[in-house]
Amino acid sequence: MQNLRTQNSLDHLKEQLLMMASYAEGAVKRALKALMRRDDELARETDQKDDLIDRLEMEIDELALDLLLRRPRPLELRLIAVAMKISHNLERVGDEATTISRRVIELGQEPQLRQAADIPPMANLVLPMLKDALDAFVSGKVDQALAVIPRDKTVDDLNRRIHQELAGVMADRPSTISRCLNLMVISKCLERIGDHATNVAEEVVYLYEGRDIRHQDQGKPPASTTNPMPAKD
């Protein structure tokens, strides 16, 4: 009976985490749509809905702590720990979406710079990273999680290029400084979301294989693993 109760709680924990992921992804998409449409109302909606993501993080923490009190088995303990870490990364994604939305409102007060068009291609790299990392969590596909990690360098490089270009625009046209700084912040927010997607992918590897690959060179062959976690009980 205790095992069934614990399994039901674990299933609920995963459901809440996936709901939180859906809200976080939706927030980023709304913020970026608001940028391109210059839609202040849509940007404000993103800001206002951040509380939903925050509440879900607290609910997940509460569920996780309750499960820890039940003396979970080692593999269950790993899932609980990973769920809390993924939840924290998703909360940070929601915060980045809120920051983007606030910058969008500021940008709406002045004419759009052509460099704003560089933001959607960056988002088209970052959002699939987050989706693939979360899909790997659900499916237990470690290879899919590992494939997310090297993509972060492309995002970093693009963020660096956008910042360099905007710095040049500011130097040539001082009247654009506030707009350029807002676009720099948005670009940096997307770069951070890529970092959070990478963090989730690394946690997926730890969950299913028991390997902590943080701070490792992903170009090296993976170490042999023992005690792998099956995708399903």
C-alpha atoms as a PDB file:
ATOM      1  CA  MET A   1       0.000   0.000   0.000  1.00  0.00           C
ATOM      2  CA  GLN A   2       2.847   2.361   0.896  1.00  0.00           C
ATOM      3  CA  ASN A   3       4.604   1.628  -2.412  1.00  0.00           C
ATOM      4  CA  LEU A   4       1.427   2.376  -4.371  1.00  0.00           C
ATOM      5  CA  ARG A   5       0.945   5.651  -2.499  1.00  0.00           C
ATOM      6  CA  THR A   6       4.544   6.636  -3.191  1.00  0.00           C
ATOM      7  CA  GLN A   7       4.249   5.762  -6.890  1.00  0.00           C
ATOM      8  CA  ASN A   8       1.068   7.829  -7.199  1.00  0.00           C
ATOM      9  CA  SER A   9       2.863  10.764  -5.579  1.00  0.00           C
ATOM     10  CA  LEU A  10       5.825  10.362  -7.930  1.00  0.00           C
ATOM     11  CA  ASP A  11       3.482  10.338 -10.918  1.00  0.00           C
ATOM     12  CA  HIS A  12       1.830  13.509  -9.611  1.00  0.00           C
ATOM     13  CA  LEU A  13       5.240  15.104  -9.150  1.00  0.00           C
ATOM     14  CA  LYS A  14       6.115  14.420 -12.784  1.00  0.00           C
ATOM     15  CA  GLU A  15       2.723  15.736 -13.951  1.00  0.00           C
ATOM     16  CA  GLN A  16       3.225  18.992 -12.063  1.00  0.00           C
ATOM     17  CA  LEU A  17       6.707  19.326 -13.495  1.00  0.00           C
ATOM     18  CA  LEU A  18       5.434  18.886 -17.038  1.00  0.00           C
ATOM     19  CA  MET A  19       2.689  21.421 -16.424  1.00  0.00           C
ATOM     20  CA  MET A  20       5.309  23.862 -15.186  1.00  0.00           C
ATOM     21  CA  ALA A  21       7.393  23.170 -18.307  1.00  0.00           C
ATOM     22  CA  SER A  22       4.403  23.943 -20.511  1.00  0.00           C
ATOM     23  CA  TYR A  23       3.821  27.265 -18.746  1.00  0.00           C
ATOM     24  CA  ALA A  24       7.501  28.209 -18.957  1.00  0.00           C
ATOM     25  CA  GLU A  25       7.737  27.428 -22.682  1.00  0.00           C
ATOM     26  CA  GLY A  26       4.497  29.309 -23.314  1.00  0.00           C
ATOM     27  CA  ALA A  27       5.785  32.346 -21.432  1.00  0.00           C
ATOM     28  CA  VAL A  28       8.910  32.568 -23.587  1.00  0.00           C
ATOM     29  CA  LYS A  29       6.905  32.181 -26.787  1.00  0.00           C
ATOM     30  CA  ARG A  30       4.444  34.911 -25.745  1.00  0.00           C
ATOM     31  CA  ALA A  31       7.235  37.304 -24.818  1.00  0.00           C
ATOM     32  CA  LEU A  32       8.945  36.823 -28.182  1.00  0.00           C
ATOM     33  CA  LYS A  33       5.682  37.150 -30.082  1.00  0.00           C
ATOM     34  CA  ALA A  34       5.065  40.400 -28.209  1.00  0.00           C
ATOM     35  CA  LEU A  35       8.500  41.626 -29.315  1.00  0.00           C
ATOM     36  CA  MET A  36       7.909  41.015 -32.997  1.00  0.00           C
ATOM     37  CA  ARG A  37       4.302  42.261 -32.953  1.00  0.00           C
ATOM     38  CA  ARG A  38       5.155  45.191 -30.666  1.00  0.00           C
ATOM     39  CA  ASP A  39       2.230  44.050 -28.543  1.00  0.00           C
ATOM     40  CA  ASP A  40       2.434  45.560 -25.064  1.00  0.00           C
ATOM     41  CA  GLU A  41      -0.711  43.786 -23.834  1.00  0.00           C
ATOM     42  CA  LEU A  42       0.743  40.393 -24.718  1.00  0.00           C
ATOM     43  CA  ALA A  43       3.965  41.353 -22.961  1.00  0.00           C
ATOM     44  CA  ARG A  44       2.029  42.350 -19.816  1.00  0.00           C
ATOM     45  CA  GLU A  45       0.166  39.031 -19.911  1.00  0.00           C
ATOM     46  CA  THR A  46       3.494  37.197 -19.781  1.00  0.00           C
ATOM     47  CA  ASP A  47       4.587  39.256 -16.796  1.00  0.00           C
ATOM     48  CA  GLN A  48       1.327  38.694 -14.930  1.00  0.00           C
ATOM     49  CA  LYS A  49       1.308  34.917 -15.465  1.00  0.00           C
ATOM     50  CA  ASP A  50       4.764  34.423 -13.945  1.00  0.00           C
ATOM     51  CA  ASP A  51       3.061  33.820 -10.587  1.00  0.00           C
ATOM     52  CA  LEU A  52       1.648  30.542 -11.962  1.00  0.00           C
ATOM     53  CA  ILE A  53       5.141  29.217 -12.599  1.00  0.00           C
ATOM     54  CA  ASP A  54       6.338  30.357  -9.171  1.00  0.00           C
ATOM     55  CA  ARG A  55       3.416  28.614  -7.444  1.00  0.00           C
ATOM     56  CA  LEU A  56       4.084  25.395  -9.305  1.00  0.00           C
ATOM     57  CA  GLU A  57       7.706  25.459  -8.197  1.00  0.00           C
ATOM     58  CA  MET A  58       6.579  25.739  -4.578  1.00  0.00           C
ATOM     59  CA  GLU A  59       4.049  22.916  -5.019  1.00  0.00           C
ATOM     60  CA  ILE A  60       6.726  20.684  -6.542  1.00  0.00           C
ATOM     61  CA  ASP A  61       9.094  21.432  -3.663  1.00  0.00           C
ATOM     62  CA  GLU A  62       6.346  20.576  -1.178  1.00  0.00           C
ATOM     63  CA  LEU A  63       5.572  17.311  -2.966  1.00  0.00           C
ATOM     64  CA  ALA A  64       9.245  16.432  -3.112  1.00  0.00           C
ATOM     65  CA  LEU A  65       9.803  17.101   0.590  1.00  0.00           C
ATOM     66  CA  ASP A  66       6.779  14.976   1.478  1.00  0.00           C
ATOM     67  CA  LEU A  67       8.198  12.134  -0.615  1.00  0.00           C
ATOM     68  CA  LEU A  68      11.587  12.445   1.069  1.00  0.00           C
ATOM     69  CA  LEU A  69       9.923  11.858   4.442  1.00  0.00           C
ATOM     70  CA  ARG A  70       8.741   8.445   3.195  1.00  0.00           C
ATOM     71  CA  ARG A  71      12.297   7.119   2.957  1.00  0.00           C
ATOM     72  CA  PRO A  72      12.248   6.561  -0.824  1.00  0.00           C
ATOM     73  CA  ARG A  73      14.366   3.914  -2.530  1.00  0.00           C
ATOM     74  CA  PRO A  74      17.609   5.077  -4.204  1.00  0.00           C
ATOM     75  CA  LEU A  75      16.160   5.399  -7.694  1.00  0.00           C
ATOM     76  CA  GLU A  76      13.094   7.204  -6.363  1.00  0.00           C
ATOM     77  CA  LEU A  77      15.369   9.521  -4.408  1.00  0.00           C
ATOM     78  CA  ARG A  78      17.249  10.357  -7.605  1.00  0.00           C
ATOM     79  CA  LEU A  79      14.002  11.213  -9.377  1.00  0.00           C
ATOM     80  CA  ILE A  80      12.890  13.479  -6.523  1.00  0.00           C
ATOM     81  CA  ALA A  81      16.224  15.317  -6.471  1.00  0.00           C
ATOM     82  CA  VAL A  82      16.228  15.770 -10.254  1.00  0.00           C
ATOM     83  CA  ALA A  83      12.607  16.980 -10.267  1.00  0.00           C
ATOM     84  CA  MET A  84      13.483  19.720  -7.778  1.00  0.00           C
ATOM     85  CA  LYS A  85      16.470  20.817  -9.867  1.00  0.00           C
ATOM     86  CA  ILE A  86      14.495  20.839 -13.116  1.00  0.00           C
ATOM     87  CA  SER A  87      11.729  22.787 -11.384  1.00  0.00           C
ATOM     88  CA  HIS A  88      14.244  25.436 -10.319  1.00  0.00           C
ATOM     89  CA  ASN A  89      15.566  25.736 -13.887  1.00  0.00           C
ATOM     90  CA  LEU A  90      12.030  26.112 -15.236  1.00  0.00           C
ATOM     91  CA  GLU A  91      11.303  28.830 -12.692  1.00  0.00           C
ATOM     92  CA  ARG A  92      14.373  30.677 -13.947  1.00  0.00           C
ATOM     93  CA  VAL A  93      13.132  30.260 -17.551  1.00  0.00           C
ATOM     94  CA  GLY A  94       9.885  31.914 -16.460  1.00  0.00           C
ATOM     95  CA  ASP A  95      11.859  34.765 -14.914  1.00  0.00           C
ATOM     96  CA  GLU A  96      13.791  35.264 -18.156  1.00  0.00           C
ATOM     97  CA  ALA A  97      10.494  35.410 -20.074  1.00  0.00           C
ATOM     98  CA  THR A  98       9.270  38.068 -17.638  1.00  0.00           C
ATOM     99  CA  THR A  99      12.434  40.104 -18.166  1.00  0.00           C
ATOM    100  CA  ILE A 100      12.000  39.851 -21.941  1.00  0.00           C
ATOM    101  CA  SER A 101       8.383  41.018 -21.684  1.00  0.00           C
ATOM    102  CA  ARG A 102       9.339  44.052 -19.609  1.00  0.00           C
ATOM    103  CA  ARG A 103      12.025  45.022 -22.104  1.00  0.00           C
ATOM    104  CA  VAL A 104       9.495  44.603 -24.919  1.00  0.00           C
ATOM    105  CA  ILE A 105       7.255  47.205 -23.284  1.00  0.00           C
ATOM    106  CA  GLU A 106      10.175  49.624 -23.087  1.00  0.00           C
ATOM    107  CA  LEU A 107      11.079  48.965 -26.728  1.00  0.00           C
ATOM    108  CA  GLY A 108       7.505  49.708 -27.767  1.00  0.00           C
ATOM    109  CA  GLN A 109       8.008  53.371 -26.884  1.00  0.00           C
ATOM    110  CA  GLU A 110      10.489  53.931 -29.742  1.00  0.00           C
ATOM    111  CA  PRO A 111      10.888  52.869 -33.401  1.00  0.00           C
ATOM    112  CA  GLN A 112      12.003  49.293 -33.906  1.00  0.00           C
ATOM    113  CA  LEU A 113      15.646  48.653 -34.759  1.00  0.00           C
ATOM    114  CA  ARG A 114      16.335  46.226 -37.602  1.00  0.00           C
ATOM    115  CA  GLN A 115      18.552  44.227 -35.226  1.00  0.00           C
ATOM    116  CA  ALA A 116      15.371  43.063 -33.456  1.00  0.00           C
ATOM    117  CA  ALA A 117      15.024  40.641 -36.360  1.00  0.00           C
ATOM    118  CA  ASP A 118      18.098  38.775 -35.041  1.00  0.00           C
ATOM    119  CA  ILE A 119      16.207  37.686 -31.913  1.00  0.00           C
ATOM    120  CA  PRO A 120      13.734  35.138 -33.405  1.00  0.00           C
ATOM    121  CA  PRO A 121      16.492  32.996 -35.006  1.00  0.00           C
ATOM    122  CA  MET A 122      18.130  32.771 -31.601  1.00  0.00           C
ATOM    123  CA  ALA A 123      14.811  31.792 -30.033  1.00  0.00           C
ATOM    124  CA  ASN A 124      14.427  29.137 -32.739  1.00  0.00           C
ATOM    125  CA  LEU A 125      17.614  27.551 -31.397  1.00  0.00           C
ATOM    126  CA  VAL A 126      16.826  27.880 -27.708  1.00  0.00           C
ATOM    127  CA  LEU A 127      13.204  26.721 -27.528  1.00  0.00           C
ATOM    128  CA  PRO A 128      13.856  23.369 -29.273  1.00  0.00           C
ATOM    129  CA  MET A 129      16.731  22.787 -26.838  1.00  0.00           C
ATOM    130  CA  LEU A 130      14.348  23.179 -23.911  1.00  0.00           C
ATOM    131  CA  LYS A 131      11.689  21.019 -25.558  1.00  0.00           C
ATOM    132  CA  ASP A 132      14.145  18.236 -26.407  1.00  0.00           C
ATOM    133  CA  ALA A 133      15.583  18.205 -22.885  1.00  0.00           C
ATOM    134  CA  LEU A 134      12.099  17.916 -21.369  1.00  0.00           C
ATOM    135  CA  ASP A 135      11.052  15.259 -23.900  1.00  0.00           C
ATOM    136  CA  ALA A 136      14.148  13.285 -22.913  1.00  0.00           C
ATOM    137  CA  PHE A 137      13.072  13.523 -19.265  1.00  0.00           C
ATOM    138  CA  VAL A 138       9.682  12.037 -20.135  1.00  0.00           C
ATOM    139  CA  SER A 139      10.929   9.355 -22.529  1.00  0.00           C
ATOM    140  CA  GLY A 140      14.179   8.410 -20.789  1.00  0.00           C
ATOM    141  CA  LYS A 141      16.148   8.967 -24.002  1.00  0.00           C
ATOM    142  CA  VAL A 142      19.603   9.852 -22.716  1.00  0.00           C
ATOM    143  CA  ASP A 143      21.010  10.271 -26.241  1.00  0.00           C
ATOM    144  CA  GLN A 144      18.427  12.984 -26.896  1.00  0.00           C
ATOM    145  CA  ALA A 145      19.456  14.781 -23.708  1.00  0.00           C
ATOM    146  CA  LEU A 146      23.145  14.529 -24.595  1.00  0.00           C
ATOM    147  CA  ALA A 147      22.457  15.985 -28.044  1.00  0.00           C
ATOM    148  CA  VAL A 148      21.081  19.152 -26.440  1.00  0.00           C
ATOM    149  CA  ILE A 149      24.317  20.054 -24.658  1.00  0.00           C
ATOM    150  CA  PRO A 150      26.652  20.915 -27.591  1.00  0.00           C
ATOM    151  CA  ARG A 151      23.950  23.117 -29.127  1.00  0.00           C
ATOM    152  CA  ASP A 152      24.443  25.595 -26.309  1.00  0.00           C
ATOM    153  CA  LYS A 153      27.721  26.793 -27.850  1.00  0.00           C
ATOM    154  CA  THR A 154      25.880  27.912 -30.994  1.00  0.00           C
ATOM    155  CA  VAL A 155      23.530  29.973 -28.832  1.00  0.00           C
ATOM    156  CA  ASP A 156      26.474  31.491 -26.946  1.00  0.00           C
ATOM    157  CA  ASP A 157      28.176  32.432 -30.205  1.00  0.00           C
ATOM    158  CA  LEU A 158      25.018  34.034 -31.579  1.00  0.00           C
ATOM    159  CA  ASN A 159      24.486  36.013 -28.382  1.00  0.00           C
ATOM    160  CA  ARG A 160      28.068  37.259 -28.607  1.00  0.00           C
ATOM    161  CA  ARG A 161      27.589  38.303 -32.241  1.00  0.00           C
ATOM    162  CA  ILE A 162      24.352  40.167 -31.452  1.00  0.00           C
ATOM    163  CA  HIS A 163      26.027  42.019 -28.587  1.00  0.00           C
ATOM    164  CA  GLN A 164      28.963  43.010 -30.781  1.00  0.00           C
ATOM    165  CA  GLU A 165      26.696  44.297 -33.527  1.00  0.00           C
ATOM    166  CA  LEU A 166      24.549  46.287 -31.099  1.00  0.00           C
ATOM    167  CA  ALA A 167      27.648  47.766 -29.478  1.00  0.00           C
ATOM    168  CA  GLY A 168      28.667  49.051 -32.910  1.00  0.00           C
ATOM    169  CA  VAL A 169      25.217  50.533 -33.483  1.00  0.00           C
ATOM    170  CA  MET A 170      25.388  52.376 -30.145  1.00  0.00           C
ATOM    171  CA  ALA A 171      28.796  53.801 -31.002  1.00  0.00           C
ATOM    172  CA  ASP A 172      27.601  55.052 -34.378  1.00  0.00           C
ATOM    173  CA  ARG A 173      24.147  56.245 -33.259  1.00  0.00           C
ATOM    174  CA  PRO A 174      23.980  57.264 -29.587  1.00  0.00           C
ATOM    175  CA  SER A 175      20.236  57.879 -29.905  1.00  0.00           C
ATOM    176  CA  THR A 176      19.749  54.100 -30.131  1.00  0.00           C
ATOM    177  CA  ILE A 177      21.511  53.288 -26.854  1.00  0.00           C
ATOM    178  CA  SER A 178      18.391  52.477 -24.810  1.00  0.00           C
ATOM    179  CA  ARG A 179      16.941  50.317 -27.577  1.00  0.00           C
ATOM    180  CA  CYS A 180      20.233  48.504 -28.110  1.00  0.00           C
ATOM    181  CA  LEU A 181      20.606  47.819 -24.391  1.00  0.00           C
ATOM    182  CA  ASN A 182      17.090  46.377 -24.246  1.00  0.00           C
ATOM    183  CA  LEU A 183      17.841  44.080 -27.180  1.00  0.00           C
ATOM    184  CA  MET A 184      21.102  43.043 -25.503  1.00  0.00           C
ATOM    185  CA  VAL A 185      19.172  42.064 -22.375  1.00  0.00           C
ATOM    186  CA  ILE A 186      16.672  40.052 -24.416  1.00  0.00           C
ATOM    187  CA  SER A 187      19.486  38.260 -26.228  1.00  0.00           C
ATOM    188  CA  LYS A 188      21.166  37.494 -22.906  1.00  0.00           C
ATOM    189  CA  CYS A 189      17.884  36.157 -21.518  1.00  0.00           C
ATOM    190  CA  LEU A 190      17.663  33.729 -24.421  1.00  0.00           C
ATOM    191  CA  GLU A 191      21.277  32.689 -23.866  1.00  0.00           C
ATOM    192  CA  ARG A 192      20.421  31.949 -20.241  1.00  0.00           C
ATOM    193  CA  ILE A 193      17.383  29.921 -21.255  1.00  0.00           C
ATOM    194  CA  GLY A 194      19.770  27.841 -23.366  1.00  0.00           C
ATOM    195  CA  ASP A 195      21.872  27.355 -20.237  1.00  0.00           C
ATOM    196  CA  HIS A 196      18.806  26.182 -18.307  1.00  0.00           C
ATOM    197  CA  ALA A 197      17.907  23.752 -21.102  1.00  0.00           C
ATOM    198  CA  THR A 198      21.448  22.384 -20.888  1.00  0.00           C
ATOM    199  CA  ASN A 199      21.087  22.013 -17.118  1.00  0.00           C
ATOM    200  CA  VAL A 200      17.872  20.034 -17.588  1.00  0.00           C
ATOM    201  CA  ALA A 201      19.577  17.781 -20.147  1.00  0.00           C
ATOM    202  CA  GLU A 202      22.440  17.094 -17.724  1.00  0.00           C
ATOM    203  CA  GLU A 203      19.957  16.209 -14.984  1.00  0.00           C
ATOM    204  CA  VAL A 204      18.226  13.765 -17.344  1.00  0.00           C
ATOM    205  CA  VAL A 205      21.524  11.949 -17.857  1.00  0.00           C
ATOM    206  CA  TYR A 206      22.005  11.767 -14.095  1.00  0.00           C
ATOM    207  CA  LEU A 207      18.455  10.530 -13.576  1.00  0.00           C
ATOM    208  CA  TYR A 208      18.607   7.639 -16.009  1.00  0.00           C
ATOM    209  CA  GLU A 209      22.290   6.677 -15.905  1.00  0.00           C
ATOM    210  CA  GLY A 210      23.532   7.944 -12.555  1.00  0.00           C
ATOM    211  CA  ARG A 211      26.280   9.998 -14.239  1.00  0.00           C
ATOM    212  CA  ASP A 212      26.997  13.553 -13.179  1.00  0.00           C
ATOM    213  CA  ILE A 213      28.256  15.170 -16.384  1.00  0.00           C
ATOM    214  CA  ARG A 214      28.206  18.781 -15.231  1.00  0.00           C
ATOM    215  CA  HIS A 215      31.442  20.683 -15.941  1.00  0.00           C
ATOM    216  CA  GLN A 216      32.706  17.878 -18.182  1.00  0.00           C
ATOM    217  CA  ASP A 217      34.009  18.103 -21.738  1.00  0.00           C
ATOM    218  CA  GLN A 218      31.178  16.588 -23.772  1.00  0.00           C
ATOM    219  CA  GLY A 219      33.601  15.922 -26.617  1.00  0.00           C
ATOM    220  CA  LYS A 220      35.181  13.128 -24.624  1.00  0.00           C
ATOM    221  CA  PRO A 221      33.805   9.580 -24.783  1.00  0.00           C
ATOM    222  CA  PRO A 222      31.301   8.941 -21.982  1.00  0.00           C
ATOM    223  CA  ALA A 223      32.496   6.998 -18.978  1.00  0.00           C
ATOM    224  CA  SER A 224      31.122   3.535 -18.478  1.00  0.00           C
ATOM    225  CA  THR A 225      28.101   3.450 -16.195  1.00  0.00           C
ATOM    226  CA  THR A 226      26.770   1.074 -13.635  1.00  0.00           C
ATOM    227  CA  ASN A 227      23.400   0.857 -11.979  1.00  0.00           C
ATOM    228  CA  PRO A 228      21.519   2.563 -14.820  1.00  0.00           C
ATOM    229  CA  MET A 229      17.978   3.660 -14.103  1.00  0.00           C
ATOM    230  CA  PRO A 230      15.334   2.090 -16.372  1.00  0.00           C
ATOM    231  CA  ALA A 231      12.968   4.423 -18.155  1.00  0.00           C
ATOM    232  CA  LYS A 232      10.008   2.722 -16.504  1.00  0.00           C
ATOM    233  CA  ASP A 233       9.540   0.632 -13.401  1.00  0.00           C
END
